[in-house]
Amino acid sequence: MEQNKTNTALLVMDMQAGIVAMLATLPESAAILNNIAKAIAKAREQKIPVIYVVVGFRPGSPEVSPNNKSFAASKERFASVNMAEFMQVHEDLKPQADEVMVIKRRFSAFTGSDLEVILRAYGAQHLVLTGISTSGVVLSTLREAADKDYRLTVLADCCVDGDEEVHRILITKVFPRQADVLTVEEWHTA
């Protein structure tokens, strides 16, 4: 499958200290980090912009509504978290000085962030998605990006979910309806 490198951006989503720490409990954690590092290296080699997306909140998490079931449950925990440390990208995947980091406020990389402004500035029309979790940031970003008419690729082995069955169903049945689903090696050779 021919992949267009022009107007493409690689999104490295939620690969931050506070979330990757949860990944450490999964057996494939080292492989996921290694695969995302390969994707980042390929993007840099091909001059494809790498955009890091992290979730974060102001002190007291005023962005978190009590109506939001997912985030409201964590609001108290966020109050005691050093948000700057929580948002730090994992050491193995650190952004280079010229790479952009976007802060989002919900699951989708677009919600509460300036991602769309950055993508327009890059002329990006094709997004390559990686991240934790498949059923969270990847699913939400894929759906919103598809509605915004971006061409999409999901790197299946650069995504992980706490529920292996949910990951499998999304990667094999749901995502192919709106995106090309490849491994990092398939993308690397495309």
Protein backbone atom coordinates (compact mmCIF):
# COMPACT_ATOMS: atom_id res chain seq x y z
CA MET A 1 0.00 0.00 0.00
CA GLU A 2 1.47 3.32 -1.07
CA GLN A 3 1.57 5.85 1.76
CA ASN A 4 1.73 9.52 0.89
CA LYS A 5 4.48 11.17 2.96
CA THR A 6 3.50 14.68 1.85
CA ASN A 7 1.01 16.40 4.13
CA THR A 8 1.35 13.64 6.75
CA ALA A 9 1.81 14.05 10.50
CA LEU A 10 2.54 11.40 13.14
CA LEU A 11 0.55 11.84 16.36
CA VAL A 12 2.16 10.36 19.49
CA MET A 13 -0.72 10.48 21.94
CA ASP A 14 -0.78 10.15 25.73
CA MET A 15 2.73 8.69 25.89
CA GLN A 16 3.30 10.69 29.04
CA ALA A 17 4.64 9.77 32.46
CA GLY A 18 1.27 9.66 34.23
CA ILE A 19 -0.26 7.33 31.64
CA VAL A 20 2.75 5.21 30.59
CA ALA A 21 3.16 4.28 34.27
CA MET A 22 -0.16 2.43 33.95
CA LEU A 23 1.14 0.69 30.80
CA ALA A 24 3.95 -0.90 32.81
CA THR A 25 1.43 -3.44 34.14
CA LEU A 26 0.79 -4.78 30.63
CA PRO A 27 3.04 -7.55 29.25
CA GLU A 28 3.60 -5.77 25.92
CA SER A 29 4.67 -2.42 27.42
CA ALA A 30 8.32 -2.60 26.28
CA ALA A 31 7.27 -3.62 22.76
CA ILE A 32 4.80 -0.72 22.48
CA LEU A 33 7.43 1.82 23.53
CA ASN A 34 9.93 0.28 21.10
CA ASN A 35 7.41 0.31 18.23
CA ILE A 36 6.46 3.94 18.84
CA ALA A 37 10.17 4.85 18.96
CA LYS A 38 10.53 3.15 15.52
CA ALA A 39 7.57 5.13 14.17
CA ILE A 40 9.06 8.38 15.47
CA ALA A 41 12.44 7.55 13.90
CA LYS A 42 10.80 6.78 10.55
CA ALA A 43 8.79 10.00 10.64
CA ARG A 44 11.89 12.06 11.42
CA GLU A 45 13.84 10.30 8.66
CA GLN A 46 11.02 11.03 6.18
CA LYS A 47 10.68 14.66 7.39
CA ILE A 48 7.14 13.89 8.62
CA PRO A 49 6.21 16.18 11.55
CA VAL A 50 5.92 14.39 14.90
CA ILE A 51 3.27 15.96 17.12
CA TYR A 52 3.05 14.93 20.76
CA VAL A 53 -0.37 15.08 22.39
CA VAL A 54 -0.72 14.92 26.17
CA VAL A 55 -3.67 15.31 28.49
CA GLY A 56 -3.41 17.84 31.29
CA PHE A 57 -5.34 20.26 33.47
CA ARG A 58 -4.86 23.49 35.38
CA PRO A 59 -4.51 23.35 39.18
CA GLY A 60 -7.82 22.21 40.62
CA SER A 61 -8.87 20.79 37.22
CA PRO A 62 -11.50 23.44 36.42
CA GLU A 63 -11.81 21.88 32.95
CA VAL A 64 -13.32 18.70 34.45
CA SER A 65 -17.10 18.80 34.65
CA PRO A 66 -18.93 16.66 37.19
CA ASN A 67 -21.09 15.58 34.22
CA ASN A 68 -18.10 13.86 32.57
CA LYS A 69 -18.18 10.33 33.98
CA SER A 70 -14.65 9.39 32.91
CA PHE A 71 -12.77 12.50 33.99
CA ALA A 72 -14.87 13.47 37.03
CA ALA A 73 -13.92 10.16 38.67
CA SER A 74 -10.25 11.23 38.55
CA LYS A 75 -10.68 14.91 39.49
CA GLU A 76 -9.69 14.39 43.13
CA ARG A 77 -6.64 12.37 42.11
CA PHE A 78 -5.60 15.12 39.68
CA ALA A 79 -5.69 17.64 42.56
CA SER A 80 -2.68 15.97 44.19
CA VAL A 81 -0.76 15.32 40.96
CA ASN A 82 2.12 17.51 39.80
CA MET A 83 0.65 18.17 36.36
CA ALA A 84 3.99 19.23 34.82
CA GLU A 85 5.47 15.84 35.78
CA PHE A 86 2.30 13.98 34.77
CA MET A 87 2.47 15.49 31.27
CA GLN A 88 6.17 14.76 30.65
CA VAL A 89 6.61 12.53 27.58
CA HIS A 90 8.22 9.17 28.38
CA GLU A 91 12.02 9.38 28.39
CA ASP A 92 12.37 6.90 25.47
CA LEU A 93 10.13 9.02 23.23
CA LYS A 94 11.16 12.61 24.10
CA PRO A 95 10.32 15.32 21.58
CA GLN A 96 13.15 17.10 19.79
CA ALA A 97 13.44 20.86 20.27
CA ASP A 98 11.54 21.64 17.05
CA GLU A 99 8.68 19.20 17.68
CA VAL A 100 5.32 20.42 18.93
CA MET A 101 3.56 19.28 22.09
CA VAL A 102 -0.20 19.81 22.26
CA ILE A 103 -2.16 19.73 25.53
CA LYS A 104 -5.69 18.34 25.28
CA ARG A 105 -8.43 18.31 27.92
CA ARG A 106 -10.38 15.15 27.01
CA PHE A 107 -9.87 11.84 25.20
CA SER A 108 -9.78 13.26 21.67
CA ALA A 109 -6.54 14.97 20.69
CA PHE A 110 -8.67 17.80 19.27
CA THR A 111 -10.75 18.62 22.36
CA GLY A 112 -9.52 21.67 24.23
CA SER A 113 -6.28 21.82 22.23
CA ASP A 114 -4.82 23.78 19.34
CA LEU A 115 -4.08 20.61 17.34
CA GLU A 116 -6.17 21.69 14.38
CA VAL A 117 -4.29 24.99 14.13
CA ILE A 118 -0.97 23.11 14.15
CA LEU A 119 -2.16 20.62 11.52
CA ARG A 120 -3.32 23.46 9.25
CA ALA A 121 0.04 25.19 9.66
CA TYR A 122 1.78 21.97 8.56
CA GLY A 123 -0.69 21.44 5.72
CA ALA A 124 -1.41 18.00 7.18
CA GLN A 125 -4.21 16.03 5.57
CA HIS A 126 -3.08 12.54 6.60
CA LEU A 127 -2.69 11.58 10.26
CA VAL A 128 -0.83 8.54 11.54
CA LEU A 129 -2.10 7.61 15.00
CA THR A 130 -0.29 5.96 17.92
CA GLY A 131 -1.03 5.97 21.64
CA ILE A 132 -2.53 4.80 24.88
CA SER A 133 -5.31 3.78 24.92
CA THR A 134 -6.85 2.25 21.83
CA SER A 135 -10.37 2.71 23.25
CA GLY A 136 -9.60 6.21 24.55
CA VAL A 137 -7.42 8.71 22.72
CA VAL A 138 -6.97 6.63 19.54
CA LEU A 139 -10.68 5.89 19.06
CA SER A 140 -11.81 9.42 19.96
CA THR A 141 -9.18 11.09 17.78
CA LEU A 142 -9.82 8.74 14.86
CA ARG A 143 -13.57 9.43 14.93
CA GLU A 144 -13.17 13.20 15.16
CA ALA A 145 -10.40 13.30 12.54
CA ALA A 146 -12.52 11.21 10.15
CA ASP A 147 -15.41 13.65 10.63
CA LYS A 148 -12.95 16.45 9.80
CA ASP A 149 -12.01 14.62 6.55
CA TYR A 150 -8.43 13.70 7.43
CA ARG A 151 -6.96 10.62 5.79
CA LEU A 152 -6.02 8.22 8.59
CA THR A 153 -3.57 5.45 9.36
CA VAL A 154 -3.51 3.62 12.69
CA LEU A 155 -0.32 1.80 13.64
CA ALA A 156 -1.86 -1.24 15.33
CA ASP A 157 1.26 -2.27 17.21
CA CYS A 158 1.80 1.31 18.42
CA CYS A 159 -1.50 1.31 20.32
CA VAL A 160 -2.47 -0.55 23.45
CA ASP A 161 -5.50 -0.90 25.65
CA GLY A 162 -6.04 -2.29 29.13
CA ASP A 163 -8.57 -4.69 27.58
CA GLU A 164 -6.97 -6.86 24.88
CA GLU A 165 -10.35 -7.85 23.41
CA VAL A 166 -11.44 -4.22 23.02
CA HIS A 167 -8.10 -3.45 21.34
CA ARG A 168 -8.51 -6.40 18.95
CA ILE A 169 -12.08 -5.48 17.98
CA LEU A 170 -11.19 -1.83 17.38
CA ILE A 171 -8.08 -2.67 15.32
CA THR A 172 -9.67 -5.45 13.24
CA LYS A 173 -13.32 -4.43 12.91
CA VAL A 174 -13.93 -0.76 13.76
CA PHE A 175 -10.87 1.23 12.65
CA PRO A 176 -10.61 -0.27 9.12
CA ARG A 177 -13.92 1.44 8.29
CA GLN A 178 -12.23 4.85 8.58
CA ALA A 179 -8.47 4.23 8.46
CA ASP A 180 -5.72 2.11 7.03
CA VAL A 181 -4.52 -0.17 9.82
CA LEU A 182 -0.85 -1.14 9.53
CA THR A 183 1.98 -2.35 11.73
CA VAL A 184 4.95 -0.06 12.24
CA GLU A 185 7.01 -2.32 9.96
CA GLU A 186 4.40 -2.14 7.19
CA TRP A 187 4.35 1.64 7.54
CA HIS A 188 8.15 1.71 7.67
CA THR A 189 8.42 -0.08 4.31
CA ALA A 190 5.51 1.69 2.63
